[in-house]
């Protein structure tokens, strides 16, 4: 795995994954609000 060679990069990837998940949650929330309004 690249994470073993570049721990800093793997940490960055993990952070990016977390923010990506947060963005997805935000999108789902806004979509839910939109459905509620309709």
C-alpha atoms as a PDB file:
ATOM      1  CA  UNK A   1       0.000   0.000   0.000  1.00  0.00           C
ATOM      2  CA  UNK A   2       1.102   3.559  -0.701  1.00  0.00           C
ATOM      3  CA  UNK A   3       0.063   4.527   2.845  1.00  0.00           C
ATOM      4  CA  UNK A   4       2.981   2.544   4.279  1.00  0.00           C
ATOM      5  CA  UNK A   5       5.432   4.469   2.084  1.00  0.00           C
ATOM      6  CA  UNK A   6       3.784   7.886   2.338  1.00  0.00           C
ATOM      7  CA  UNK A   7       1.935   8.142   5.677  1.00  0.00           C
ATOM      8  CA  UNK A   8       1.491  11.884   5.183  1.00  0.00           C
ATOM      9  CA  UNK A   9      -0.276  11.334   1.863  1.00  0.00           C
ATOM     10  CA  UNK A  10      -2.500   8.605   3.297  1.00  0.00           C
ATOM     11  CA  UNK A  11      -3.472  10.957   6.140  1.00  0.00           C
ATOM     12  CA  UNK A  12      -4.298  13.636   3.567  1.00  0.00           C
ATOM     13  CA  UNK A  13      -6.409  11.120   1.635  1.00  0.00           C
ATOM     14  CA  UNK A  14      -8.248  10.157   4.827  1.00  0.00           C
ATOM     15  CA  UNK A  15      -8.957  13.845   5.525  1.00  0.00           C
ATOM     16  CA  UNK A  16     -10.175  14.308   1.966  1.00  0.00           C
ATOM     17  CA  UNK A  17     -12.421  11.259   2.381  1.00  0.00           C
ATOM     18  CA  UNK A  18     -13.899  12.701   5.568  1.00  0.00           C
ATOM     19  CA  UNK A  19     -14.652  16.055   3.941  1.00  0.00           C
ATOM     20  CA  UNK A  20     -16.119  14.220   0.946  1.00  0.00           C
ATOM     21  CA  UNK A  21     -18.420  12.282   3.291  1.00  0.00           C
ATOM     22  CA  UNK A  22     -19.430  15.547   4.997  1.00  0.00           C
ATOM     23  CA  UNK A  23     -20.235  17.073   1.596  1.00  0.00           C
ATOM     24  CA  UNK A  24     -22.417  14.054   0.732  1.00  0.00           C
ATOM     25  CA  UNK A  25     -24.266  14.415   4.068  1.00  0.00           C
ATOM     26  CA  UNK A  26     -24.782  18.134   3.361  1.00  0.00           C
ATOM     27  CA  UNK A  27     -26.122  17.324  -0.121  1.00  0.00           C
ATOM     28  CA  UNK A  28     -28.519  14.744   1.332  1.00  0.00           C
ATOM     29  CA  UNK A  29     -29.768  17.249   3.930  1.00  0.00           C
ATOM     30  CA  UNK A  30     -30.423  19.940   1.316  1.00  0.00           C
ATOM     31  CA  UNK A  31     -32.147  17.362  -0.893  1.00  0.00           C
ATOM     32  CA  UNK A  32     -34.333  16.312   2.043  1.00  0.00           C
ATOM     33  CA  UNK A  33     -35.260  19.961   2.707  1.00  0.00           C
ATOM     34  CA  UNK A  34     -36.143  20.367  -0.980  1.00  0.00           C
ATOM     35  CA  UNK A  35     -38.395  17.274  -0.876  1.00  0.00           C
ATOM     36  CA  UNK A  36     -40.100  18.566   2.285  1.00  0.00           C
ATOM     37  CA  UNK A  37     -40.898  21.912   0.614  1.00  0.00           C
ATOM     38  CA  UNK A  38     -42.424  20.323  -2.509  1.00  0.00           C
END
